[in-house]
Amino acid sequence: MLRTFASSSSRAIRAARAVRFNSTQAAPQQSTAYIVERTANGTLPVYSDVKGNATRTIIRRIRGSAEGELNEYLAAGHIDPITPAPSAILKPTSRQIEVKGRWVPELKAWLEMKGF
């Protein structure tokens, strides 16, 4: 009787793990040419980095090129006529995008609007 209980519970555990594994692997199809993967905690990988006097915003875990769309978004939201709009720089070896300045809340909202 103990073996029957152990085998049925192990089957249930394996089935639950299979459902969980398959549900995390299935990503929704998106029409964009890039993908931003979320962190293990489920948050967007957008961080601010301060070195000396310079502040920059970093978007990590990017597959593809989101540079063009991000530059359009930053240019559309820029209202200061004297200074140029911030530009996004893609670093393909580290799979991240850097933007000069502190843009963390704006970029997180933009990524959530895009469906990431």
PDB file of N, CA and C in Angstrom:
ATOM      1  N   MET A   1       0.811  -1.185   0.000  1.00  0.00           N
ATOM      2  CA  MET A   1       0.000   0.000   0.000  1.00  0.00           C
ATOM      3  C   MET A   1       0.862   1.258   0.000  1.00  0.00           C
ATOM      4  N   LEU A   2       1.964   1.192   0.672  1.00  0.00           N
ATOM      5  CA  LEU A   2       2.857   2.339   0.710  1.00  0.00           C
ATOM      6  C   LEU A   2       3.447   2.612  -0.661  1.00  0.00           C
ATOM      7  N   ARG A   3       3.744   1.579  -1.418  1.00  0.00           N
ATOM      8  CA  ARG A   3       4.282   1.771  -2.759  1.00  0.00           C
ATOM      9  C   ARG A   3       3.263   2.425  -3.687  1.00  0.00           C
ATOM     10  N   THR A   4       2.034   2.037  -3.571  1.00  0.00           N
ATOM     11  CA  THR A   4       0.997   2.624  -4.399  1.00  0.00           C
ATOM     12  C   THR A   4       0.857   4.120  -4.115  1.00  0.00           C
ATOM     13  N   PHE A   5       0.895   4.486  -2.845  1.00  0.00           N
ATOM     14  CA  PHE A   5       0.808   5.893  -2.467  1.00  0.00           C
ATOM     15  C   PHE A   5       2.010   6.667  -2.991  1.00  0.00           C
ATOM     16  N   ALA A   6       3.205   6.093  -2.862  1.00  0.00           N
ATOM     17  CA  ALA A   6       4.417   6.788  -3.311  1.00  0.00           C
ATOM     18  C   ALA A   6       4.416   6.957  -4.822  1.00  0.00           C
ATOM     19  N   SER A   7       3.982   5.933  -5.547  1.00  0.00           N
ATOM     20  CA  SER A   7       4.010   6.046  -7.001  1.00  0.00           C
ATOM     21  C   SER A   7       2.953   7.031  -7.507  1.00  0.00           C
ATOM     22  N   SER A   8       1.780   7.054  -6.876  1.00  0.00           N
ATOM     23  CA  SER A   8       0.762   7.985  -7.332  1.00  0.00           C
ATOM     24  C   SER A   8       1.130   9.426  -6.982  1.00  0.00           C
ATOM     25  N   SER A   9       1.758   9.614  -5.812  1.00  0.00           N
ATOM     26  CA  SER A   9       2.148  10.981  -5.457  1.00  0.00           C
ATOM     27  C   SER A   9       3.322  11.442  -6.323  1.00  0.00           C
ATOM     28  N   SER A  10       4.237  10.539  -6.651  1.00  0.00           N
ATOM     29  CA  SER A  10       5.354  10.947  -7.510  1.00  0.00           C
ATOM     30  C   SER A  10       4.864  11.254  -8.917  1.00  0.00           C
ATOM     31  N   ARG A  11       3.844  10.521  -9.380  1.00  0.00           N
ATOM     32  CA  ARG A  11       3.267  10.834 -10.679  1.00  0.00           C
ATOM     33  C   ARG A  11       2.598  12.211 -10.659  1.00  0.00           C
ATOM     34  N   ALA A  12       1.923  12.518  -9.578  1.00  0.00           N
ATOM     35  CA  ALA A  12       1.260  13.822  -9.466  1.00  0.00           C
ATOM     36  C   ALA A  12       2.291  14.942  -9.429  1.00  0.00           C
ATOM     37  N   ILE A  13       3.394  14.712  -8.727  1.00  0.00           N
ATOM     38  CA  ILE A  13       4.459  15.717  -8.651  1.00  0.00           C
ATOM     39  C   ILE A  13       5.080  15.922 -10.027  1.00  0.00           C
ATOM     40  N   ARG A  14       5.358  14.828 -10.725  1.00  0.00           N
ATOM     41  CA  ARG A  14       5.925  14.939 -12.070  1.00  0.00           C
ATOM     42  C   ARG A  14       4.974  15.664 -13.020  1.00  0.00           C
ATOM     43  N   ALA A  15       3.686  15.380 -12.910  1.00  0.00           N
ATOM     44  CA  ALA A  15       2.708  16.047 -13.774  1.00  0.00           C
ATOM     45  C   ALA A  15       2.644  17.537 -13.461  1.00  0.00           C
ATOM     46  N   ALA A  16       2.689  17.887 -12.175  1.00  0.00           N
ATOM     47  CA  ALA A  16       2.657  19.308 -11.800  1.00  0.00           C
ATOM     48  C   ALA A  16       3.911  20.019 -12.290  1.00  0.00           C
ATOM     49  N   ARG A  17       5.060  19.358 -12.194  1.00  0.00           N
ATOM     50  CA  ARG A  17       6.296  19.959 -12.688  1.00  0.00           C
ATOM     51  C   ARG A  17       6.254  20.123 -14.199  1.00  0.00           C
ATOM     52  N   ALA A  18       5.692  19.164 -14.894  1.00  0.00           N
ATOM     53  CA  ALA A  18       5.620  19.254 -16.354  1.00  0.00           C
ATOM     54  C   ALA A  18       4.729  20.413 -16.769  1.00  0.00           C
ATOM     55  N   VAL A  19       3.605  20.592 -16.088  1.00  0.00           N
ATOM     56  CA  VAL A  19       2.714  21.702 -16.410  1.00  0.00           C
ATOM     57  C   VAL A  19       3.425  23.018 -16.131  1.00  0.00           C
ATOM     58  N   ARG A  20       4.096  23.102 -14.981  1.00  0.00           N
ATOM     59  CA  ARG A  20       4.792  24.336 -14.629  1.00  0.00           C
ATOM     60  C   ARG A  20       5.914  24.626 -15.611  1.00  0.00           C
ATOM     61  N   PHE A  21       6.687  23.605 -15.986  1.00  0.00           N
ATOM     62  CA  PHE A  21       7.793  23.788 -16.921  1.00  0.00           C
ATOM     63  C   PHE A  21       7.285  24.225 -18.285  1.00  0.00           C
ATOM     64  N   ASN A  22       6.247  23.579 -18.769  1.00  0.00           N
ATOM     65  CA  ASN A  22       5.706  23.924 -20.086  1.00  0.00           C
ATOM     66  C   ASN A  22       5.069  25.300 -20.102  1.00  0.00           C
ATOM     67  N   SER A  23       4.470  25.710 -18.992  1.00  0.00           N
ATOM     68  CA  SER A  23       3.829  27.024 -18.979  1.00  0.00           C
ATOM     69  C   SER A  23       4.863  28.139 -18.945  1.00  0.00           C
ATOM     70  N   THR A  24       6.034  27.913 -18.320  1.00  0.00           N
ATOM     71  CA  THR A  24       7.047  28.959 -18.302  1.00  0.00           C
ATOM     72  C   THR A  24       7.802  29.014 -19.624  1.00  0.00           C
ATOM     73  N   GLN A  25       7.858  27.934 -20.355  1.00  0.00           N
ATOM     74  CA  GLN A  25       8.591  27.910 -21.614  1.00  0.00           C
ATOM     75  C   GLN A  25       7.778  28.513 -22.756  1.00  0.00           C
ATOM     76  N   ALA A  26       6.463  28.450 -22.659  1.00  0.00           N
ATOM     77  CA  ALA A  26       5.629  28.961 -23.742  1.00  0.00           C
ATOM     78  C   ALA A  26       5.541  30.475 -23.638  1.00  0.00           C
ATOM     79  N   ALA A  27       6.154  31.156 -24.583  1.00  0.00           N
ATOM     80  CA  ALA A  27       6.138  32.619 -24.594  1.00  0.00           C
ATOM     81  C   ALA A  27       5.126  33.085 -25.628  1.00  0.00           C
ATOM     82  N   PRO A  28       4.418  34.169 -25.348  1.00  0.00           N
ATOM     83  CA  PRO A  28       3.471  34.669 -26.343  1.00  0.00           C
ATOM     84  C   PRO A  28       4.199  35.208 -27.565  1.00  0.00           C
ATOM     85  N   GLN A  29       3.615  34.970 -28.720  1.00  0.00           N
ATOM     86  CA  GLN A  29       4.225  35.451 -29.953  1.00  0.00           C
ATOM     87  C   GLN A  29       4.028  36.955 -30.056  1.00  0.00           C
ATOM     88  N   GLN A  30       5.115  37.668 -30.341  1.00  0.00           N
ATOM     89  CA  GLN A  30       5.042  39.114 -30.450  1.00  0.00           C
ATOM     90  C   GLN A  30       5.444  39.515 -31.855  1.00  0.00           C
ATOM     91  N   SER A  31       4.939  40.662 -32.296  1.00  0.00           N
ATOM     92  CA  SER A  31       5.213  41.114 -33.649  1.00  0.00           C
ATOM     93  C   SER A  31       6.484  41.955 -33.716  1.00  0.00           C
ATOM     94  N   THR A  32       7.164  42.164 -32.597  1.00  0.00           N
ATOM     95  CA  THR A  32       8.371  42.976 -32.592  1.00  0.00           C
ATOM     96  C   THR A  32       9.578  42.129 -32.979  1.00  0.00           C
ATOM     97  N   ALA A  33      10.662  42.805 -33.347  1.00  0.00           N
ATOM     98  CA  ALA A  33      11.879  42.114 -33.765  1.00  0.00           C
ATOM     99  C   ALA A  33      12.827  41.903 -32.588  1.00  0.00           C
ATOM    100  N   TYR A  34      12.324  42.070 -31.388  1.00  0.00           N
ATOM    101  CA  TYR A  34      13.158  41.899 -30.202  1.00  0.00           C
ATOM    102  C   TYR A  34      12.319  41.328 -29.070  1.00  0.00           C
ATOM    103  N   ILE A  35      13.017  40.766 -28.081  1.00  0.00           N
ATOM    104  CA  ILE A  35      12.379  40.193 -26.901  1.00  0.00           C
ATOM    105  C   ILE A  35      13.150  40.681 -25.685  1.00  0.00           C
ATOM    106  N   VAL A  36      12.438  41.111 -24.657  1.00  0.00           N
ATOM    107  CA  VAL A  36      13.046  41.472 -23.381  1.00  0.00           C
ATOM    108  C   VAL A  36      12.595  40.430 -22.374  1.00  0.00           C
ATOM    109  N   GLU A  37      13.541  39.642 -21.887  1.00  0.00           N
ATOM    110  CA  GLU A  37      13.223  38.593 -20.925  1.00  0.00           C
ATOM    111  C   GLU A  37      13.117  39.190 -19.533  1.00  0.00           C
ATOM    112  N   ARG A  38      12.162  38.725 -18.755  1.00  0.00           N
ATOM    113  CA  ARG A  38      12.029  39.177 -17.376  1.00  0.00           C
ATOM    114  C   ARG A  38      13.028  38.445 -16.484  1.00  0.00           C
ATOM    115  N   THR A  39      13.271  39.005 -15.296  1.00  0.00           N
ATOM    116  CA  THR A  39      14.203  38.395 -14.353  1.00  0.00           C
ATOM    117  C   THR A  39      13.533  37.208 -13.671  1.00  0.00           C
ATOM    118  N   ALA A  40      14.275  36.517 -12.811  1.00  0.00           N
ATOM    119  CA  ALA A  40      13.725  35.374 -12.098  1.00  0.00           C
ATOM    120  C   ALA A  40      12.593  35.786 -11.156  1.00  0.00           C
ATOM    121  N   ASN A  41      12.612  37.021 -10.683  1.00  0.00           N
ATOM    122  CA  ASN A  41      11.551  37.524  -9.811  1.00  0.00           C
ATOM    123  C   ASN A  41      10.331  37.984 -10.593  1.00  0.00           C
ATOM    124  N   GLY A  42      10.420  38.062 -11.900  1.00  0.00           N
ATOM    125  CA  GLY A  42       9.309  38.488 -12.733  1.00  0.00           C
ATOM    126  C   GLY A  42       9.277  39.980 -13.017  1.00  0.00           C
ATOM    127  N   THR A  43      10.342  40.699 -12.676  1.00  0.00           N
ATOM    128  CA  THR A  43      10.385  42.137 -12.940  1.00  0.00           C
ATOM    129  C   THR A  43      11.108  42.414 -14.246  1.00  0.00           C
ATOM    130  N   LEU A  44      10.930  43.609 -14.751  1.00  0.00           N
ATOM    131  CA  LEU A  44      11.622  44.002 -15.975  1.00  0.00           C
ATOM    132  C   LEU A  44      13.070  44.356 -15.648  1.00  0.00           C
ATOM    133  N   PRO A  45      14.017  43.970 -16.486  1.00  0.00           N
ATOM    134  CA  PRO A  45      15.443  44.216 -16.208  1.00  0.00           C
ATOM    135  C   PRO A  45      15.891  45.614 -16.623  1.00  0.00           C
ATOM    136  N   VAL A  46      15.344  46.640 -15.977  1.00  0.00           N
ATOM    137  CA  VAL A  46      15.697  48.027 -16.251  1.00  0.00           C
ATOM    138  C   VAL A  46      16.326  48.595 -14.984  1.00  0.00           C
ATOM    139  N   TYR A  47      17.562  49.076 -15.110  1.00  0.00           N
ATOM    140  CA  TYR A  47      18.315  49.519 -13.943  1.00  0.00           C
ATOM    141  C   TYR A  47      18.966  50.868 -14.224  1.00  0.00           C
ATOM    142  N   SER A  48      19.237  51.626 -13.157  1.00  0.00           N
ATOM    143  CA  SER A  48      20.018  52.850 -13.300  1.00  0.00           C
ATOM    144  C   SER A  48      21.415  52.578 -12.770  1.00  0.00           C
ATOM    145  N   ASP A  49      22.407  53.174 -13.414  1.00  0.00           N
ATOM    146  CA  ASP A  49      23.801  52.976 -13.058  1.00  0.00           C
ATOM    147  C   ASP A  49      24.435  54.352 -12.909  1.00  0.00           C
ATOM    148  N   VAL A  50      25.050  54.591 -11.755  1.00  0.00           N
ATOM    149  CA  VAL A  50      25.682  55.878 -11.489  1.00  0.00           C
ATOM    150  C   VAL A  50      27.175  55.652 -11.330  1.00  0.00           C
ATOM    151  N   LYS A  51      27.953  56.355 -12.145  1.00  0.00           N
ATOM    152  CA  LYS A  51      29.411  56.326 -12.048  1.00  0.00           C
ATOM    153  C   LYS A  51      29.894  57.766 -12.064  1.00  0.00           C
ATOM    154  N   GLY A  52      30.403  58.213 -10.920  1.00  0.00           N
ATOM    155  CA  GLY A  52      30.851  59.593 -10.831  1.00  0.00           C
ATOM    156  C   GLY A  52      29.668  60.529 -10.943  1.00  0.00           C
ATOM    157  N   ASN A  53      29.702  61.415 -11.918  1.00  0.00           N
ATOM    158  CA  ASN A  53      28.612  62.346 -12.161  1.00  0.00           C
ATOM    159  C   ASN A  53      27.635  61.850 -13.213  1.00  0.00           C
ATOM    160  N   ALA A  54      27.977  60.781 -13.888  1.00  0.00           N
ATOM    161  CA  ALA A  54      27.155  60.296 -15.008  1.00  0.00           C
ATOM    162  C   ALA A  54      26.137  59.265 -14.532  1.00  0.00           C
ATOM    163  N   THR A  55      24.892  59.452 -14.944  1.00  0.00           N
ATOM    164  CA  THR A  55      23.825  58.488 -14.672  1.00  0.00           C
ATOM    165  C   THR A  55      23.353  57.931 -16.002  1.00  0.00           C
ATOM    166  N   ARG A  56      23.189  56.640 -16.051  1.00  0.00           N
ATOM    167  CA  ARG A  56      22.693  56.015 -17.269  1.00  0.00           C
ATOM    168  C   ARG A  56      21.689  54.944 -16.889  1.00  0.00           C
ATOM    169  N   THR A  57      20.788  54.662 -17.790  1.00  0.00           N
ATOM    170  CA  THR A  57      19.778  53.631 -17.600  1.00  0.00           C
ATOM    171  C   THR A  57      20.138  52.456 -18.496  1.00  0.00           C
ATOM    172  N   ILE A  58      20.063  51.261 -17.936  1.00  0.00           N
ATOM    173  CA  ILE A  58      20.438  50.055 -18.666  1.00  0.00           C
ATOM    174  C   ILE A  58      19.246  49.110 -18.730  1.00  0.00           C
ATOM    175  N   ILE A  59      18.952  48.642 -19.938  1.00  0.00           N
ATOM    176  CA  ILE A  59      17.951  47.591 -20.145  1.00  0.00           C
ATOM    177  C   ILE A  59      18.723  46.337 -20.504  1.00  0.00           C
ATOM    178  N   ARG A  60      18.608  45.315 -19.695  1.00  0.00           N
ATOM    179  CA  ARG A  60      19.334  44.072 -19.926  1.00  0.00           C
ATOM    180  C   ARG A  60      18.415  43.001 -20.492  1.00  0.00           C
ATOM    181  N   ARG A  61      19.004  41.885 -20.854  1.00  0.00           N
ATOM    182  CA  ARG A  61      18.304  40.691 -21.345  1.00  0.00           C
ATOM    183  C   ARG A  61      17.496  40.958 -22.608  1.00  0.00           C
ATOM    184  N   ILE A  62      18.122  41.584 -23.585  1.00  0.00           N
ATOM    185  CA  ILE A  62      17.440  41.885 -24.845  1.00  0.00           C
ATOM    186  C   ILE A  62      17.946  40.950 -25.926  1.00  0.00           C
ATOM    187  N   ARG A  63      17.034  40.360 -26.642  1.00  0.00           N
ATOM    188  CA  ARG A  63      17.374  39.586 -27.837  1.00  0.00           C
ATOM    189  C   ARG A  63      16.785  40.322 -29.020  1.00  0.00           C
ATOM    190  N   GLY A  64      17.630  40.666 -29.964  1.00  0.00           N
ATOM    191  CA  GLY A  64      17.183  41.426 -31.122  1.00  0.00           C
ATOM    192  C   GLY A  64      17.589  42.884 -30.984  1.00  0.00           C
ATOM    193  N   SER A  65      17.018  43.727 -31.823  1.00  0.00           N
ATOM    194  CA  SER A  65      17.380  45.137 -31.827  1.00  0.00           C
ATOM    195  C   SER A  65      16.155  46.003 -31.556  1.00  0.00           C
ATOM    196  N   ALA A  66      16.104  46.582 -30.367  1.00  0.00           N
ATOM    197  CA  ALA A  66      15.019  47.483 -29.994  1.00  0.00           C
ATOM    198  C   ALA A  66      15.470  48.926 -30.064  1.00  0.00           C
ATOM    199  N   GLU A  67      16.652  49.142 -30.577  1.00  0.00           N
ATOM    200  CA  GLU A  67      17.274  50.465 -30.577  1.00  0.00           C
ATOM    201  C   GLU A  67      16.452  51.501 -31.338  1.00  0.00           C
ATOM    202  N   GLY A  68      15.956  51.162 -32.522  1.00  0.00           N
ATOM    203  CA  GLY A  68      15.213  52.106 -33.346  1.00  0.00           C
ATOM    204  C   GLY A  68      13.916  52.554 -32.696  1.00  0.00           C
ATOM    205  N   GLU A  69      13.118  51.597 -32.206  1.00  0.00           N
ATOM    206  CA  GLU A  69      11.851  51.935 -31.562  1.00  0.00           C
ATOM    207  C   GLU A  69      12.068  52.737 -30.293  1.00  0.00           C
ATOM    208  N   LEU A  70      13.118  52.398 -29.544  1.00  0.00           N
ATOM    209  CA  LEU A  70      13.398  53.115 -28.303  1.00  0.00           C
ATOM    210  C   LEU A  70      13.826  54.547 -28.585  1.00  0.00           C
ATOM    211  N   ASN A  71      14.627  54.759 -29.623  1.00  0.00           N
ATOM    212  CA  ASN A  71      15.021  56.122 -29.989  1.00  0.00           C
ATOM    213  C   ASN A  71      13.814  56.950 -30.420  1.00  0.00           C
ATOM    214  N   GLU A  72      12.870  56.347 -31.140  1.00  0.00           N
ATOM    215  CA  GLU A  72      11.651  57.052 -31.524  1.00  0.00           C
ATOM    216  C   GLU A  72      10.833  57.443 -30.296  1.00  0.00           C
ATOM    217  N   TYR A  73      10.729  56.526 -29.330  1.00  0.00           N
ATOM    218  CA  TYR A  73       9.986  56.805 -28.105  1.00  0.00           C
ATOM    219  C   TYR A  73      10.638  57.938 -27.315  1.00  0.00           C
ATOM    220  N   LEU A  74      11.959  57.906 -27.191  1.00  0.00           N
ATOM    221  CA  LEU A  74      12.660  58.944 -26.441  1.00  0.00           C
ATOM    222  C   LEU A  74      12.565  60.300 -27.142  1.00  0.00           C
ATOM    223  N   ALA A  75      12.623  60.310 -28.463  1.00  0.00           N
ATOM    224  CA  ALA A  75      12.510  61.561 -29.207  1.00  0.00           C
ATOM    225  C   ALA A  75      11.102  62.140 -29.108  1.00  0.00           C
ATOM    226  N   ALA A  76      10.095  61.278 -29.101  1.00  0.00           N
ATOM    227  CA  ALA A  76       8.711  61.763 -29.007  1.00  0.00           C
ATOM    228  C   ALA A  76       8.419  62.349 -27.626  1.00  0.00           C
ATOM    229  N   GLY A  77       9.045  61.812 -26.594  1.00  0.00           N
ATOM    230  CA  GLY A  77       8.806  62.301 -25.244  1.00  0.00           C
ATOM    231  C   GLY A  77       9.711  63.441 -24.829  1.00  0.00           C
ATOM    232  N   HIS A  78      10.653  63.827 -25.681  1.00  0.00           N
ATOM    233  CA  HIS A  78      11.602  64.898 -25.353  1.00  0.00           C
ATOM    234  C   HIS A  78      10.989  66.250 -25.696  1.00  0.00           C
ATOM    235  N   ILE A  79      10.938  67.161 -24.687  1.00  0.00           N
ATOM    236  CA  ILE A  79      10.284  68.447 -24.924  1.00  0.00           C
ATOM    237  C   ILE A  79      11.233  69.635 -24.841  1.00  0.00           C
ATOM    238  N   ASP A  80      12.465  69.423 -24.432  1.00  0.00           N
ATOM    239  CA  ASP A  80      13.419  70.525 -24.292  1.00  0.00           C
ATOM    240  C   ASP A  80      14.002  70.875 -25.666  1.00  0.00           C
ATOM    241  N   PRO A  81      13.777  72.114 -26.175  1.00  0.00           N
ATOM    242  CA  PRO A  81      14.273  72.444 -27.514  1.00  0.00           C
ATOM    243  C   PRO A  81      15.771  72.723 -27.559  1.00  0.00           C
ATOM    244  N   ILE A  82      16.395  72.920 -26.408  1.00  0.00           N
ATOM    245  CA  ILE A  82      17.817  73.274 -26.398  1.00  0.00           C
ATOM    246  C   ILE A  82      18.720  72.045 -26.427  1.00  0.00           C
ATOM    247  N   THR A  83      18.406  71.063 -25.628  1.00  0.00           N
ATOM    248  CA  THR A  83      19.252  69.864 -25.565  1.00  0.00           C
ATOM    249  C   THR A  83      18.731  68.802 -26.522  1.00  0.00           C
ATOM    250  N   PRO A  84      19.613  67.965 -27.037  1.00  0.00           N
ATOM    251  CA  PRO A  84      19.159  66.886 -27.924  1.00  0.00           C
ATOM    252  C   PRO A  84      18.482  65.774 -27.121  1.00  0.00           C
ATOM    253  N   ALA A  85      17.656  65.031 -27.797  1.00  0.00           N
ATOM    254  CA  ALA A  85      16.979  63.906 -27.163  1.00  0.00           C
ATOM    255  C   ALA A  85      18.003  62.826 -26.817  1.00  0.00           C
ATOM    256  N   PRO A  86      17.812  62.104 -25.721  1.00  0.00           N
ATOM    257  CA  PRO A  86      18.744  61.020 -25.399  1.00  0.00           C
ATOM    258  C   PRO A  86      18.652  59.912 -26.431  1.00  0.00           C
ATOM    259  N   SER A  87      19.766  59.283 -26.675  1.00  0.00           N
ATOM    260  CA  SER A  87      19.770  58.205 -27.663  1.00  0.00           C
ATOM    261  C   SER A  87      20.131  56.890 -26.996  1.00  0.00           C
ATOM    262  N   ALA A  88      19.577  55.826 -27.525  1.00  0.00           N
ATOM    263  CA  ALA A  88      19.838  54.485 -27.017  1.00  0.00           C
ATOM    264  C   ALA A  88      20.997  53.872 -27.787  1.00  0.00           C
ATOM    265  N   ILE A  89      21.883  53.213 -27.056  1.00  0.00           N
ATOM    266  CA  ILE A  89      23.038  52.550 -27.652  1.00  0.00           C
ATOM    267  C   ILE A  89      22.929  51.061 -27.366  1.00  0.00           C
ATOM    268  N   LEU A  90      22.920  50.257 -28.418  1.00  0.00           N
ATOM    269  CA  LEU A  90      22.826  48.809 -28.280  1.00  0.00           C
ATOM    270  C   LEU A  90      24.212  48.216 -28.112  1.00  0.00           C
ATOM    271  N   LYS A  91      24.387  47.372 -27.097  1.00  0.00           N
ATOM    272  CA  LYS A  91      25.639  46.648 -26.880  1.00  0.00           C
ATOM    273  C   LYS A  91      25.345  45.160 -27.090  1.00  0.00           C
ATOM    274  N   PRO A  92      25.627  44.638 -28.298  1.00  0.00           N
ATOM    275  CA  PRO A  92      25.193  43.280 -28.625  1.00  0.00           C
ATOM    276  C   PRO A  92      25.925  42.180 -27.859  1.00  0.00           C
ATOM    277  N   THR A  93      27.166  42.409 -27.451  1.00  0.00           N
ATOM    278  CA  THR A  93      27.880  41.347 -26.744  1.00  0.00           C
ATOM    279  C   THR A  93      27.316  41.105 -25.355  1.00  0.00           C
ATOM    280  N   SER A  94      26.858  42.158 -24.695  1.00  0.00           N
ATOM    281  CA  SER A  94      26.289  42.000 -23.362  1.00  0.00           C
ATOM    282  C   SER A  94      24.765  41.977 -23.380  1.00  0.00           C
ATOM    283  N   ARG A  95      24.149  42.060 -24.564  1.00  0.00           N
ATOM    284  CA  ARG A  95      22.700  42.034 -24.733  1.00  0.00           C
ATOM    285  C   ARG A  95      22.016  43.082 -23.869  1.00  0.00           C
ATOM    286  N   GLN A  96      22.468  44.325 -23.970  1.00  0.00           N
ATOM    287  CA  GLN A  96      21.843  45.395 -23.212  1.00  0.00           C
ATOM    288  C   GLN A  96      21.825  46.695 -23.999  1.00  0.00           C
ATOM    289  N   ILE A  97      20.939  47.591 -23.592  1.00  0.00           N
ATOM    290  CA  ILE A  97      20.823  48.914 -24.193  1.00  0.00           C
ATOM    291  C   ILE A  97      21.106  49.936 -23.105  1.00  0.00           C
ATOM    292  N   GLU A  98      21.910  50.951 -23.447  1.00  0.00           N
ATOM    293  CA  GLU A  98      22.223  52.020 -22.508  1.00  0.00           C
ATOM    294  C   GLU A  98      21.631  53.326 -23.013  1.00  0.00           C
ATOM    295  N   VAL A  99      21.051  54.088 -22.080  1.00  0.00           N
ATOM    296  CA  VAL A  99      20.490  55.405 -22.369  1.00  0.00           C
ATOM    297  C   VAL A  99      21.071  56.367 -21.347  1.00  0.00           C
ATOM    298  N   LYS A 100      21.567  57.511 -21.817  1.00  0.00           N
ATOM    299  CA  LYS A 100      22.100  58.505 -20.886  1.00  0.00           C
ATOM    300  C   LYS A 100      20.957  59.129 -20.098  1.00  0.00           C
ATOM    301  N   GLY A 101      21.150  59.273 -18.790  1.00  0.00           N
ATOM    302  CA  GLY A 101      20.139  59.868 -17.925  1.00  0.00           C
ATOM    303  C   GLY A 101      19.378  58.815 -17.147  1.00  0.00           C
ATOM    304  N   ARG A 102      18.492  59.273 -16.281  1.00  0.00           N
ATOM    305  CA  ARG A 102      17.681  58.362 -15.468  1.00  0.00           C
ATOM    306  C   ARG A 102      16.289  58.257 -16.072  1.00  0.00           C
ATOM    307  N   TRP A 103      16.036  57.130 -16.732  1.00  0.00           N
ATOM    308  CA  TRP A 103      14.793  56.890 -17.453  1.00  0.00           C
ATOM    309  C   TRP A 103      14.111  55.608 -16.993  1.00  0.00           C
ATOM    310  N   VAL A 104      14.398  55.133 -15.803  1.00  0.00           N
ATOM    311  CA  VAL A 104      13.899  53.828 -15.362  1.00  0.00           C
ATOM    312  C   VAL A 104      12.370  53.752 -15.371  1.00  0.00           C
ATOM    313  N   PRO A 105      11.629  54.656 -14.713  1.00  0.00           N
ATOM    314  CA  PRO A 105      10.164  54.495 -14.723  1.00  0.00           C
ATOM    315  C   PRO A 105       9.554  54.629 -16.114  1.00  0.00           C
ATOM    316  N   GLU A 106      10.105  55.517 -16.931  1.00  0.00           N
ATOM    317  CA  GLU A 106       9.562  55.702 -18.278  1.00  0.00           C
ATOM    318  C   GLU A 106       9.799  54.472 -19.149  1.00  0.00           C
ATOM    319  N   LEU A 107      11.005  53.896 -19.052  1.00  0.00           N
ATOM    320  CA  LEU A 107      11.304  52.724 -19.885  1.00  0.00           C
ATOM    321  C   LEU A 107      10.562  51.484 -19.407  1.00  0.00           C
ATOM    322  N   LYS A 108      10.352  51.355 -18.099  1.00  0.00           N
ATOM    323  CA  LYS A 108       9.545  50.229 -17.612  1.00  0.00           C
ATOM    324  C   LYS A 108       8.108  50.355 -18.110  1.00  0.00           C
ATOM    325  N   ALA A 109       7.563  51.567 -18.084  1.00  0.00           N
ATOM    326  CA  ALA A 109       6.196  51.775 -18.587  1.00  0.00           C
ATOM    327  C   ALA A 109       6.124  51.496 -20.087  1.00  0.00           C
ATOM    328  N   TRP A 110       7.157  51.896 -20.837  1.00  0.00           N
ATOM    329  CA  TRP A 110       7.186  51.656 -22.279  1.00  0.00           C
ATOM    330  C   TRP A 110       7.242  50.155 -22.584  1.00  0.00           C
ATOM    331  N   LEU A 111       8.075  49.413 -21.832  1.00  0.00           N
ATOM    332  CA  LEU A 111       8.168  47.971 -22.057  1.00  0.00           C
ATOM    333  C   LEU A 111       6.873  47.266 -21.688  1.00  0.00           C
ATOM    334  N   GLU A 112       6.226  47.697 -20.610  1.00  0.00           N
ATOM    335  CA  GLU A 112       4.937  47.092 -20.246  1.00  0.00           C
ATOM    336  C   GLU A 112       3.868  47.418 -21.288  1.00  0.00           C
ATOM    337  N   MET A 113       3.924  48.620 -21.853  1.00  0.00           N
ATOM    338  CA  MET A 113       2.991  48.986 -22.911  1.00  0.00           C
ATOM    339  C   MET A 113       3.207  48.109 -24.148  1.00  0.00           C
ATOM    340  N   LYS A 114       4.449  47.736 -24.408  1.00  0.00           N
ATOM    341  CA  LYS A 114       4.765  46.873 -25.552  1.00  0.00           C
ATOM    342  C   LYS A 114       4.393  45.421 -25.301  1.00  0.00           C
ATOM    343  N   GLY A 115       4.087  45.047 -24.046  1.00  0.00           N
ATOM    344  CA  GLY A 115       3.655  43.694 -23.746  1.00  0.00           C
ATOM    345  C   GLY A 115       4.718  42.790 -23.164  1.00  0.00           C
ATOM    346  N   PHE A 116       5.774  43.359 -22.650  1.00  0.00           N
ATOM    347  CA  PHE A 116       6.829  42.532 -22.065  1.00  0.00           C
ATOM    348  C   PHE A 116       6.649  42.376 -20.609  1.00  0.00           C
TER     349      PHE A 116
END
